[in-house]
Amino acid sequence: MSDEGLAIRMLHDRVLVDAESGSSERKSGGGILIPATVQMGRRLSWAKVVSIGPSVRSVEVDDRVLFDPEERAEVELNSKRYVLMRERDIHAVAAKRLDDAGTGLYL
């Protein structure tokens, strides 16, 4: 369960995440502002894990995960939108606890 006190329990391999909404505008590596209206190719998104099901093995609550926003289902709880997905739909995990894993995170 998360620290937000959501009255929900995930089942099986489901993961509930809070997608980072932020600004729809982005900056390039050189500092150039890219407007939200620019069409880009397939782009993955980061989100914070809020709750996990009992069969989830690779992700923990408060981890940041990388996922494809086109493969998601949205749900509203306590007037806030969350994304519901299966563990297999997560492409990468970023967490401080992984620093000692030895393999590193190559993104």
PDB file of N, CA and C in Angstrom:
ATOM      1  N   MET A   1       0.841  -1.185   0.000  1.00  0.00           N
ATOM      2  CA  MET A   1       0.000   0.000   0.000  1.00  0.00           C
ATOM      3  C   MET A   1       0.877   1.236   0.000  1.00  0.00           C
ATOM      4  N   SER A   2       0.421   2.289  -0.544  1.00  0.00           N
ATOM      5  CA  SER A   2       1.214   3.507  -0.647  1.00  0.00           C
ATOM      6  C   SER A   2       1.015   4.403   0.571  1.00  0.00           C
ATOM      7  N   ASP A   3       1.851   5.440   0.650  1.00  0.00           N
ATOM      8  CA  ASP A   3       1.734   6.388   1.753  1.00  0.00           C
ATOM      9  C   ASP A   3       0.576   7.349   1.557  1.00  0.00           C
ATOM     10  N   GLU A   4      -0.048   7.331   0.368  1.00  0.00           N
ATOM     11  CA  GLU A   4      -1.168   8.229   0.104  1.00  0.00           C
ATOM     12  C   GLU A   4      -2.462   7.700   0.696  1.00  0.00           C
ATOM     13  N   GLY A   5      -2.482   6.473   1.217  1.00  0.00           N
ATOM     14  CA  GLY A   5      -3.651   5.912   1.860  1.00  0.00           C
ATOM     15  C   GLY A   5      -4.776   5.581   0.908  1.00  0.00           C
ATOM     16  N   LEU A   6      -4.469   5.113  -0.288  1.00  0.00           N
ATOM     17  CA  LEU A   6      -5.502   4.729  -1.233  1.00  0.00           C
ATOM     18  C   LEU A   6      -6.204   3.478  -0.724  1.00  0.00           C
ATOM     19  N   ALA A   7      -7.505   3.464  -0.815  1.00  0.00           N
ATOM     20  CA  ALA A   7      -8.278   2.308  -0.380  1.00  0.00           C
ATOM     21  C   ALA A   7      -8.423   1.343  -1.553  1.00  0.00           C
ATOM     22  N   ILE A   8      -7.310   0.751  -1.967  1.00  0.00           N
ATOM     23  CA  ILE A   8      -7.321  -0.161  -3.100  1.00  0.00           C
ATOM     24  C   ILE A   8      -6.205  -1.181  -2.910  1.00  0.00           C
ATOM     25  N   ARG A   9      -6.457  -2.398  -3.337  1.00  0.00           N
ATOM     26  CA  ARG A   9      -5.445  -3.448  -3.279  1.00  0.00           C
ATOM     27  C   ARG A   9      -5.312  -4.016  -4.685  1.00  0.00           C
ATOM     28  N   MET A  10      -4.115  -3.994  -5.225  1.00  0.00           N
ATOM     29  CA  MET A  10      -3.871  -4.509  -6.562  1.00  0.00           C
ATOM     30  C   MET A  10      -3.841  -6.037  -6.512  1.00  0.00           C
ATOM     31  N   LEU A  11      -4.277  -6.670  -7.590  1.00  0.00           N
ATOM     32  CA  LEU A  11      -4.297  -8.117  -7.682  1.00  0.00           C
ATOM     33  C   LEU A  11      -3.282  -8.608  -8.718  1.00  0.00           C
ATOM     34  N   HIS A  12      -2.818  -9.814  -8.546  1.00  0.00           N
ATOM     35  CA  HIS A  12      -1.957 -10.520  -9.486  1.00  0.00           C
ATOM     36  C   HIS A  12      -0.705  -9.716  -9.829  1.00  0.00           C
ATOM     37  N   ASP A  13      -0.474  -9.449 -11.117  1.00  0.00           N
ATOM     38  CA  ASP A  13       0.745  -8.763 -11.548  1.00  0.00           C
ATOM     39  C   ASP A  13       0.480  -7.304 -11.916  1.00  0.00           C
ATOM     40  N   ARG A  14      -0.541  -6.721 -11.340  1.00  0.00           N
ATOM     41  CA  ARG A  14      -0.906  -5.337 -11.678  1.00  0.00           C
ATOM     42  C   ARG A  14      -0.077  -4.334 -10.894  1.00  0.00           C
ATOM     43  N   VAL A  15       0.206  -3.201 -11.561  1.00  0.00           N
ATOM     44  CA  VAL A  15       0.979  -2.107 -10.969  1.00  0.00           C
ATOM     45  C   VAL A  15       0.191  -0.822 -11.180  1.00  0.00           C
ATOM     46  N   LEU A  16      -0.007  -0.046 -10.122  1.00  0.00           N
ATOM     47  CA  LEU A  16      -0.692   1.238 -10.194  1.00  0.00           C
ATOM     48  C   LEU A  16       0.362   2.329 -10.061  1.00  0.00           C
ATOM     49  N   VAL A  17       0.406   3.242 -11.037  1.00  0.00           N
ATOM     50  CA  VAL A  17       1.423   4.284 -11.031  1.00  0.00           C
ATOM     51  C   VAL A  17       0.794   5.662 -11.157  1.00  0.00           C
ATOM     52  N   ASP A  18       1.521   6.640 -10.666  1.00  0.00           N
ATOM     53  CA  ASP A  18       1.139   8.040 -10.782  1.00  0.00           C
ATOM     54  C   ASP A  18       2.028   8.632 -11.866  1.00  0.00           C
ATOM     55  N   ALA A  19       1.466   8.832 -13.047  1.00  0.00           N
ATOM     56  CA  ALA A  19       2.239   9.349 -14.176  1.00  0.00           C
ATOM     57  C   ALA A  19       2.675  10.773 -13.884  1.00  0.00           C
ATOM     58  N   GLU A  20       3.920  11.055 -14.179  1.00  0.00           N
ATOM     59  CA  GLU A  20       4.456  12.400 -13.959  1.00  0.00           C
ATOM     60  C   GLU A  20       3.857  13.322 -14.990  1.00  0.00           C
ATOM     61  N   SER A  21       2.986  14.211 -14.520  1.00  0.00           N
ATOM     62  CA  SER A  21       2.284  15.082 -15.452  1.00  0.00           C
ATOM     63  C   SER A  21       3.175  16.188 -15.977  1.00  0.00           C
ATOM     64  N   GLY A  22       3.831  16.933 -15.115  1.00  0.00           N
ATOM     65  CA  GLY A  22       4.767  17.971 -15.529  1.00  0.00           C
ATOM     66  C   GLY A  22       4.240  18.827 -16.670  1.00  0.00           C
ATOM     67  N   SER A  23       5.103  19.586 -17.250  1.00  0.00           N
ATOM     68  CA  SER A  23       4.750  20.425 -18.381  1.00  0.00           C
ATOM     69  C   SER A  23       4.754  19.598 -19.649  1.00  0.00           C
ATOM     70  N   SER A  24       3.848  19.909 -20.570  1.00  0.00           N
ATOM     71  CA  SER A  24       3.827  19.179 -21.825  1.00  0.00           C
ATOM     72  C   SER A  24       4.926  19.674 -22.762  1.00  0.00           C
ATOM     73  N   GLU A  25       5.518  20.831 -22.454  1.00  0.00           N
ATOM     74  CA  GLU A  25       6.632  21.325 -23.246  1.00  0.00           C
ATOM     75  C   GLU A  25       7.927  20.721 -22.718  1.00  0.00           C
ATOM     76  N   ARG A  26       8.875  20.490 -23.620  1.00  0.00           N
ATOM     77  CA  ARG A  26      10.143  19.874 -23.251  1.00  0.00           C
ATOM     78  C   ARG A  26      11.283  20.758 -23.715  1.00  0.00           C
ATOM     79  N   LYS A  27      12.474  20.501 -23.184  1.00  0.00           N
ATOM     80  CA  LYS A  27      13.677  21.192 -23.623  1.00  0.00           C
ATOM     81  C   LYS A  27      14.632  20.182 -24.229  1.00  0.00           C
ATOM     82  N   SER A  28      15.312  20.598 -25.281  1.00  0.00           N
ATOM     83  CA  SER A  28      16.319  19.734 -25.892  1.00  0.00           C
ATOM     84  C   SER A  28      17.578  19.770 -25.033  1.00  0.00           C
ATOM     85  N   GLY A  29      18.541  18.925 -25.376  1.00  0.00           N
ATOM     86  CA  GLY A  29      19.797  18.901 -24.636  1.00  0.00           C
ATOM     87  C   GLY A  29      20.522  20.227 -24.684  1.00  0.00           C
ATOM     88  N   GLY A  30      20.310  21.001 -25.738  1.00  0.00           N
ATOM     89  CA  GLY A  30      20.945  22.307 -25.888  1.00  0.00           C
ATOM     90  C   GLY A  30      20.151  23.444 -25.268  1.00  0.00           C
ATOM     91  N   GLY A  31      19.008  23.130 -24.653  1.00  0.00           N
ATOM     92  CA  GLY A  31      18.212  24.154 -23.987  1.00  0.00           C
ATOM     93  C   GLY A  31      17.125  24.774 -24.847  1.00  0.00           C
ATOM     94  N   ILE A  32      16.895  24.250 -26.043  1.00  0.00           N
ATOM     95  CA  ILE A  32      15.850  24.782 -26.916  1.00  0.00           C
ATOM     96  C   ILE A  32      14.500  24.242 -26.464  1.00  0.00           C
ATOM     97  N   LEU A  33      13.511  25.141 -26.323  1.00  0.00           N
ATOM     98  CA  LEU A  33      12.167  24.757 -25.890  1.00  0.00           C
ATOM     99  C   LEU A  33      11.424  24.091 -27.046  1.00  0.00           C
ATOM    100  N   ILE A  34      10.884  22.892 -26.818  1.00  0.00           N
ATOM    101  CA  ILE A  34      10.122  22.158 -27.829  1.00  0.00           C
ATOM    102  C   ILE A  34       8.652  22.251 -27.448  1.00  0.00           C
ATOM    103  N   PRO A  35       7.829  22.913 -28.265  1.00  0.00           N
ATOM    104  CA  PRO A  35       6.410  23.090 -27.931  1.00  0.00           C
ATOM    105  C   PRO A  35       5.668  21.762 -27.867  1.00  0.00           C
ATOM    106  N   ALA A  36       4.564  21.751 -27.133  1.00  0.00           N
ATOM    107  CA  ALA A  36       3.762  20.544 -26.961  1.00  0.00           C
ATOM    108  C   ALA A  36       3.098  20.111 -28.258  1.00  0.00           C
ATOM    109  N   THR A  37       2.971  21.024 -29.221  1.00  0.00           N
ATOM    110  CA  THR A  37       2.296  20.707 -30.481  1.00  0.00           C
ATOM    111  C   THR A  37       3.182  19.949 -31.462  1.00  0.00           C
ATOM    112  N   VAL A  38       4.476  19.830 -31.183  1.00  0.00           N
ATOM    113  CA  VAL A  38       5.387  19.126 -32.082  1.00  0.00           C
ATOM    114  C   VAL A  38       5.107  17.630 -32.023  1.00  0.00           C
ATOM    115  N   GLN A  39       4.936  17.019 -33.200  1.00  0.00           N
ATOM    116  CA  GLN A  39       4.711  15.579 -33.274  1.00  0.00           C
ATOM    117  C   GLN A  39       6.049  14.855 -33.187  1.00  0.00           C
ATOM    118  N   MET A  40       6.153  13.942 -32.234  1.00  0.00           N
ATOM    119  CA  MET A  40       7.376  13.160 -32.071  1.00  0.00           C
ATOM    120  C   MET A  40       7.022  11.698 -32.264  1.00  0.00           C
ATOM    121  N   GLY A  41       8.024  10.889 -32.481  1.00  0.00           N
ATOM    122  CA  GLY A  41       7.810   9.452 -32.604  1.00  0.00           C
ATOM    123  C   GLY A  41       7.370   8.861 -31.280  1.00  0.00           C
ATOM    124  N   ARG A  42       7.339   7.558 -31.230  1.00  0.00           N
ATOM    125  CA  ARG A  42       6.935   6.858 -30.007  1.00  0.00           C
ATOM    126  C   ARG A  42       7.847   7.250 -28.863  1.00  0.00           C
ATOM    127  N   ARG A  43       7.255   7.761 -27.794  1.00  0.00           N
ATOM    128  CA  ARG A  43       8.016   8.282 -26.662  1.00  0.00           C
ATOM    129  C   ARG A  43       7.530   7.619 -25.379  1.00  0.00           C
ATOM    130  N   LEU A  44       8.460   7.080 -24.591  1.00  0.00           N
ATOM    131  CA  LEU A  44       8.116   6.437 -23.328  1.00  0.00           C
ATOM    132  C   LEU A  44       7.987   7.483 -22.224  1.00  0.00           C
ATOM    133  N   SER A  45       7.293   7.132 -21.140  1.00  0.00           N
ATOM    134  CA  SER A  45       7.052   8.055 -20.030  1.00  0.00           C
ATOM    135  C   SER A  45       7.502   7.445 -18.704  1.00  0.00           C
ATOM    136  N   TRP A  46       7.821   8.310 -17.748  1.00  0.00           N
ATOM    137  CA  TRP A  46       8.196   7.898 -16.399  1.00  0.00           C
ATOM    138  C   TRP A  46       6.998   8.058 -15.475  1.00  0.00           C
ATOM    139  N   ALA A  47       6.918   7.193 -14.469  1.00  0.00           N
ATOM    140  CA  ALA A  47       5.851   7.271 -13.477  1.00  0.00           C
ATOM    141  C   ALA A  47       6.360   6.713 -12.148  1.00  0.00           C
ATOM    142  N   LYS A  48       5.699   7.100 -11.064  1.00  0.00           N
ATOM    143  CA  LYS A  48       6.044   6.623  -9.725  1.00  0.00           C
ATOM    144  C   LYS A  48       5.065   5.527  -9.325  1.00  0.00           C
ATOM    145  N   VAL A  49       5.579   4.405  -8.839  1.00  0.00           N
ATOM    146  CA  VAL A  49       4.740   3.275  -8.439  1.00  0.00           C
ATOM    147  C   VAL A  49       4.024   3.615  -7.130  1.00  0.00           C
ATOM    148  N   VAL A  50       2.707   3.439  -7.122  1.00  0.00           N
ATOM    149  CA  VAL A  50       1.877   3.758  -5.968  1.00  0.00           C
ATOM    150  C   VAL A  50       1.455   2.489  -5.230  1.00  0.00           C
ATOM    151  N   SER A  51       1.143   1.431  -5.977  1.00  0.00           N
ATOM    152  CA  SER A  51       0.688   0.184  -5.374  1.00  0.00           C
ATOM    153  C   SER A  51       1.012  -0.970  -6.319  1.00  0.00           C
ATOM    154  N   ILE A  52       1.272  -2.162  -5.750  1.00  0.00           N
ATOM    155  CA  ILE A  52       1.597  -3.335  -6.563  1.00  0.00           C
ATOM    156  C   ILE A  52       0.798  -4.539  -6.084  1.00  0.00           C
ATOM    157  N   GLY A  53       0.600  -5.487  -6.991  1.00  0.00           N
ATOM    158  CA  GLY A  53      -0.077  -6.726  -6.651  1.00  0.00           C
ATOM    159  C   GLY A  53       0.887  -7.731  -6.037  1.00  0.00           C
ATOM    160  N   PRO A  54       0.377  -8.808  -5.470  1.00  0.00           N
ATOM    161  CA  PRO A  54       1.213  -9.785  -4.776  1.00  0.00           C
ATOM    162  C   PRO A  54       2.152 -10.569  -5.696  1.00  0.00           C
ATOM    163  N   SER A  55       1.871 -10.648  -6.981  1.00  0.00           N
ATOM    164  CA  SER A  55       2.718 -11.401  -7.909  1.00  0.00           C
ATOM    165  C   SER A  55       3.813 -10.564  -8.554  1.00  0.00           C
ATOM    166  N   VAL A  56       3.877  -9.292  -8.248  1.00  0.00           N
ATOM    167  CA  VAL A  56       4.897  -8.407  -8.829  1.00  0.00           C
ATOM    168  C   VAL A  56       6.236  -8.677  -8.148  1.00  0.00           C
ATOM    169  N   ARG A  57       7.289  -8.917  -8.958  1.00  0.00           N
ATOM    170  CA  ARG A  57       8.584  -9.289  -8.392  1.00  0.00           C
ATOM    171  C   ARG A  57       9.678  -8.250  -8.594  1.00  0.00           C
ATOM    172  N   SER A  58       9.618  -7.465  -9.659  1.00  0.00           N
ATOM    173  CA  SER A  58      10.730  -6.580 -10.009  1.00  0.00           C
ATOM    174  C   SER A  58      10.557  -5.131  -9.604  1.00  0.00           C
ATOM    175  N   VAL A  59       9.403  -4.777  -9.102  1.00  0.00           N
ATOM    176  CA  VAL A  59       9.084  -3.385  -8.808  1.00  0.00           C
ATOM    177  C   VAL A  59       8.600  -3.267  -7.370  1.00  0.00           C
ATOM    178  N   GLU A  60       8.945  -2.154  -6.718  1.00  0.00           N
ATOM    179  CA  GLU A  60       8.455  -1.870  -5.371  1.00  0.00           C
ATOM    180  C   GLU A  60       7.785  -0.504  -5.361  1.00  0.00           C
ATOM    181  N   VAL A  61       6.974  -0.260  -4.344  1.00  0.00           N
ATOM    182  CA  VAL A  61       6.313   1.035  -4.188  1.00  0.00           C
ATOM    183  C   VAL A  61       7.374   2.120  -4.077  1.00  0.00           C
ATOM    184  N   ASP A  62       7.152   3.244  -4.693  1.00  0.00           N
ATOM    185  CA  ASP A  62       8.017   4.433  -4.764  1.00  0.00           C
ATOM    186  C   ASP A  62       9.121   4.318  -5.814  1.00  0.00           C
ATOM    187  N   ASP A  63       9.240   3.207  -6.540  1.00  0.00           N
ATOM    188  CA  ASP A  63      10.181   3.125  -7.658  1.00  0.00           C
ATOM    189  C   ASP A  63       9.669   3.993  -8.797  1.00  0.00           C
ATOM    190  N   ARG A  64      10.575   4.428  -9.658  1.00  0.00           N
ATOM    191  CA  ARG A  64      10.187   5.107 -10.896  1.00  0.00           C
ATOM    192  C   ARG A  64      10.290   4.085 -12.012  1.00  0.00           C
ATOM    193  N   VAL A  65       9.267   4.023 -12.854  1.00  0.00           N
ATOM    194  CA  VAL A  65       9.248   3.052 -13.933  1.00  0.00           C
ATOM    195  C   VAL A  65       9.044   3.737 -15.278  1.00  0.00           C
ATOM    196  N   LEU A  66       9.584   3.110 -16.309  1.00  0.00           N
ATOM    197  CA  LEU A  66       9.468   3.607 -17.672  1.00  0.00           C
ATOM    198  C   LEU A  66       8.456   2.732 -18.405  1.00  0.00           C
ATOM    199  N   PHE A  67       7.460   3.356 -19.039  1.00  0.00           N
ATOM    200  CA  PHE A  67       6.415   2.598 -19.722  1.00  0.00           C
ATOM    201  C   PHE A  67       5.961   3.321 -20.976  1.00  0.00           C
ATOM    202  N   ASP A  68       5.258   2.604 -21.831  1.00  0.00           N
ATOM    203  CA  ASP A  68       4.715   3.164 -23.065  1.00  0.00           C
ATOM    204  C   ASP A  68       3.334   3.735 -22.759  1.00  0.00           C
ATOM    205  N   PRO A  69       3.144   5.053 -22.896  1.00  0.00           N
ATOM    206  CA  PRO A  69       1.851   5.663 -22.560  1.00  0.00           C
ATOM    207  C   PRO A  69       0.704   5.205 -23.464  1.00  0.00           C
ATOM    208  N   GLU A  70       1.013   4.616 -24.614  1.00  0.00           N
ATOM    209  CA  GLU A  70      -0.053   4.128 -25.488  1.00  0.00           C
ATOM    210  C   GLU A  70      -0.628   2.808 -24.992  1.00  0.00           C
ATOM    211  N   GLU A  71       0.104   2.087 -24.150  1.00  0.00           N
ATOM    212  CA  GLU A  71      -0.349   0.803 -23.616  1.00  0.00           C
ATOM    213  C   GLU A  71      -0.723   0.968 -22.144  1.00  0.00           C
ATOM    214  N   ARG A  72      -1.757   1.724 -21.880  1.00  0.00           N
ATOM    215  CA  ARG A  72      -2.122   1.985 -20.495  1.00  0.00           C
ATOM    216  C   ARG A  72      -3.630   2.096 -20.335  1.00  0.00           C
ATOM    217  N   ALA A  73      -4.062   1.926 -19.087  1.00  0.00           N
ATOM    218  CA  ALA A  73      -5.462   2.117 -18.725  1.00  0.00           C
ATOM    219  C   ALA A  73      -5.482   3.104 -17.569  1.00  0.00           C
ATOM    220  N   GLU A  74      -6.273   4.149 -17.685  1.00  0.00           N
ATOM    221  CA  GLU A  74      -6.349   5.152 -16.629  1.00  0.00           C
ATOM    222  C   GLU A  74      -7.505   4.855 -15.694  1.00  0.00           C
ATOM    223  N   VAL A  75      -7.299   5.184 -14.425  1.00  0.00           N
ATOM    224  CA  VAL A  75      -8.335   5.016 -13.415  1.00  0.00           C
ATOM    225  C   VAL A  75      -8.293   6.237 -12.502  1.00  0.00           C
ATOM    226  N   GLU A  76      -9.459   6.658 -12.012  1.00  0.00           N
ATOM    227  CA  GLU A  76      -9.525   7.814 -11.120  1.00  0.00           C
ATOM    228  C   GLU A  76      -9.864   7.345  -9.713  1.00  0.00           C
ATOM    229  N   LEU A  77      -9.010   7.708  -8.755  1.00  0.00           N
ATOM    230  CA  LEU A  77      -9.206   7.377  -7.348  1.00  0.00           C
ATOM    231  C   LEU A  77      -9.022   8.640  -6.522  1.00  0.00           C
ATOM    232  N   ASN A  78      -9.965   8.930  -5.653  1.00  0.00           N
ATOM    233  CA  ASN A  78      -9.896  10.138  -4.816  1.00  0.00           C
ATOM    234  C   ASN A  78      -9.640  11.385  -5.653  1.00  0.00           C
ATOM    235  N   SER A  79     -10.333  11.501  -6.769  1.00  0.00           N
ATOM    236  CA  SER A  79     -10.244  12.653  -7.677  1.00  0.00           C
ATOM    237  C   SER A  79      -8.857  12.839  -8.288  1.00  0.00           C
ATOM    238  N   LYS A  80      -8.073  11.781  -8.381  1.00  0.00           N
ATOM    239  CA  LYS A  80      -6.749  11.849  -8.996  1.00  0.00           C
ATOM    240  C   LYS A  80      -6.620  10.717  -9.993  1.00  0.00           C
ATOM    241  N   ARG A  81      -5.981  10.991 -11.132  1.00  0.00           N
ATOM    242  CA  ARG A  81      -5.826   9.980 -12.174  1.00  0.00           C
ATOM    243  C   ARG A  81      -4.543   9.178 -11.983  1.00  0.00           C
ATOM    244  N   TYR A  82      -4.671   7.860 -12.139  1.00  0.00           N
ATOM    245  CA  TYR A  82      -3.549   6.940 -12.062  1.00  0.00           C
ATOM    246  C   TYR A  82      -3.548   6.071 -13.310  1.00  0.00           C
ATOM    247  N   VAL A  83      -2.436   5.404 -13.542  1.00  0.00           N
ATOM    248  CA  VAL A  83      -2.312   4.497 -14.674  1.00  0.00           C
ATOM    249  C   VAL A  83      -2.186   3.080 -14.125  1.00  0.00           C
ATOM    250  N   LEU A  84      -2.954   2.172 -14.683  1.00  0.00           N
ATOM    251  CA  LEU A  84      -2.941   0.772 -14.285  1.00  0.00           C
ATOM    252  C   LEU A  84      -2.311  -0.034 -15.410  1.00  0.00           C
ATOM    253  N   MET A  85      -1.347  -0.904 -15.064  1.00  0.00           N
ATOM    254  CA  MET A  85      -0.683  -1.719 -16.084  1.00  0.00           C
ATOM    255  C   MET A  85      -0.224  -3.040 -15.489  1.00  0.00           C
ATOM    256  N   ARG A  86       0.187  -3.943 -16.346  1.00  0.00           N
ATOM    257  CA  ARG A  86       0.771  -5.207 -15.923  1.00  0.00           C
ATOM    258  C   ARG A  86       2.274  -4.995 -15.744  1.00  0.00           C
ATOM    259  N   GLU A  87       2.882  -5.818 -14.904  1.00  0.00           N
ATOM    260  CA  GLU A  87       4.323  -5.699 -14.669  1.00  0.00           C
ATOM    261  C   GLU A  87       5.100  -5.877 -15.969  1.00  0.00           C
ATOM    262  N   ARG A  88       4.642  -6.737 -16.850  1.00  0.00           N
ATOM    263  CA  ARG A  88       5.361  -6.993 -18.103  1.00  0.00           C
ATOM    264  C   ARG A  88       5.362  -5.793 -19.056  1.00  0.00           C
ATOM    265  N   ASP A  89       4.478  -4.818 -18.824  1.00  0.00           N
ATOM    266  CA  ASP A  89       4.432  -3.618 -19.664  1.00  0.00           C
ATOM    267  C   ASP A  89       5.435  -2.551 -19.232  1.00  0.00           C
ATOM    268  N   ILE A  90       6.165  -2.807 -18.151  1.00  0.00           N
ATOM    269  CA  ILE A  90       7.185  -1.870 -17.670  1.00  0.00           C
ATOM    270  C   ILE A  90       8.504  -2.179 -18.365  1.00  0.00           C
ATOM    271  N   HIS A  91       9.135  -1.148 -18.935  1.00  0.00           N
ATOM    272  CA  HIS A  91      10.372  -1.330 -19.695  1.00  0.00           C
ATOM    273  C   HIS A  91      11.628  -1.218 -18.841  1.00  0.00           C
ATOM    274  N   ALA A  92      11.591  -0.397 -17.786  1.00  0.00           N
ATOM    275  CA  ALA A  92      12.777  -0.197 -16.940  1.00  0.00           C
ATOM    276  C   ALA A  92      12.344   0.295 -15.563  1.00  0.00           C
ATOM    277  N   VAL A  93      13.229   0.082 -14.584  1.00  0.00           N
ATOM    278  CA  VAL A  93      12.980   0.518 -13.209  1.00  0.00           C
ATOM    279  C   VAL A  93      14.164   1.363 -12.759  1.00  0.00           C
ATOM    280  N   ALA A  94      13.891   2.505 -12.135  1.00  0.00           N
ATOM    281  CA  ALA A  94      14.932   3.363 -11.571  1.00  0.00           C
ATOM    282  C   ALA A  94      14.649   3.516 -10.078  1.00  0.00           C
ATOM    283  N   ALA A  95      15.606   3.055  -9.249  1.00  0.00           N
ATOM    284  CA  ALA A  95      15.446   3.146  -7.803  1.00  0.00           C
ATOM    285  C   ALA A  95      16.820   3.130  -7.153  1.00  0.00           C
ATOM    286  N   LYS A  96      16.960   3.815  -6.024  1.00  0.00           N
ATOM    287  CA  LYS A  96      18.239   3.848  -5.315  1.00  0.00           C
ATOM    288  C   LYS A  96      18.681   2.459  -4.879  1.00  0.00           C
ATOM    289  N   ARG A  97      17.730   1.583  -4.576  1.00  0.00           N
ATOM    290  CA  ARG A  97      18.082   0.236  -4.121  1.00  0.00           C
ATOM    291  C   ARG A  97      18.767  -0.572  -5.215  1.00  0.00           C
ATOM    292  N   LEU A  98      18.679  -0.151  -6.458  1.00  0.00           N
ATOM    293  CA  LEU A  98      19.304  -0.863  -7.572  1.00  0.00           C
ATOM    294  C   LEU A  98      20.774  -0.498  -7.754  1.00  0.00           C
ATOM    295  N   ASP A  99      21.272   0.513  -7.033  1.00  0.00           N
ATOM    296  CA  ASP A  99      22.666   0.929  -7.172  1.00  0.00           C
ATOM    297  C   ASP A  99      23.637  -0.199  -6.876  1.00  0.00           C
ATOM    298  N   ASP A 100      23.289  -1.099  -5.976  1.00  0.00           N
ATOM    299  CA  ASP A 100      24.162  -2.201  -5.587  1.00  0.00           C
ATOM    300  C   ASP A 100      23.954  -3.449  -6.431  1.00  0.00           C
ATOM    301  N   ALA A 101      23.085  -3.389  -7.414  1.00  0.00           N
ATOM    302  CA  ALA A 101      22.768  -4.582  -8.202  1.00  0.00           C
ATOM    303  C   ALA A 101      23.913  -5.016  -9.094  1.00  0.00           C
ATOM    304  N   GLY A 102      24.801  -4.117  -9.461  1.00  0.00           N
ATOM    305  CA  GLY A 102      25.962  -4.477 -10.268  1.00  0.00           C
ATOM    306  C   GLY A 102      25.757  -4.367 -11.758  1.00  0.00           C
ATOM    307  N   THR A 103      24.541  -4.491 -12.263  1.00  0.00           N
ATOM    308  CA  THR A 103      24.325  -4.440 -13.696  1.00  0.00           C
ATOM    309  C   THR A 103      24.145  -3.008 -14.178  1.00  0.00           C
ATOM    310  N   GLY A 104      23.674  -2.133 -13.362  1.00  0.00           N
ATOM    311  CA  GLY A 104      23.471  -0.743 -13.741  1.00  0.00           C
ATOM    312  C   GLY A 104      22.201  -0.561 -14.544  1.00  0.00           C
ATOM    313  N   LEU A 105      21.862   0.669 -14.816  1.00  0.00           N
ATOM    314  CA  LEU A 105      20.686   1.007 -15.596  1.00  0.00           C
ATOM    315  C   LEU A 105      21.164   1.726 -16.842  1.00  0.00           C
ATOM    316  N   TYR A 106      20.979   1.125 -17.989  1.00  0.00           N
ATOM    317  CA  TYR A 106      21.490   1.675 -19.233  1.00  0.00           C
ATOM    318  C   TYR A 106      20.347   2.173 -20.082  1.00  0.00           C
ATOM    319  N   LEU A 107      20.050   3.458 -19.984  1.00  0.00           N
ATOM    320  CA  LEU A 107      18.990   4.060 -20.780  1.00  0.00           C
ATOM    321  C   LEU A 107      19.534   5.206 -21.563  1.00  0.00           C
TER     322      LEU A 107
END
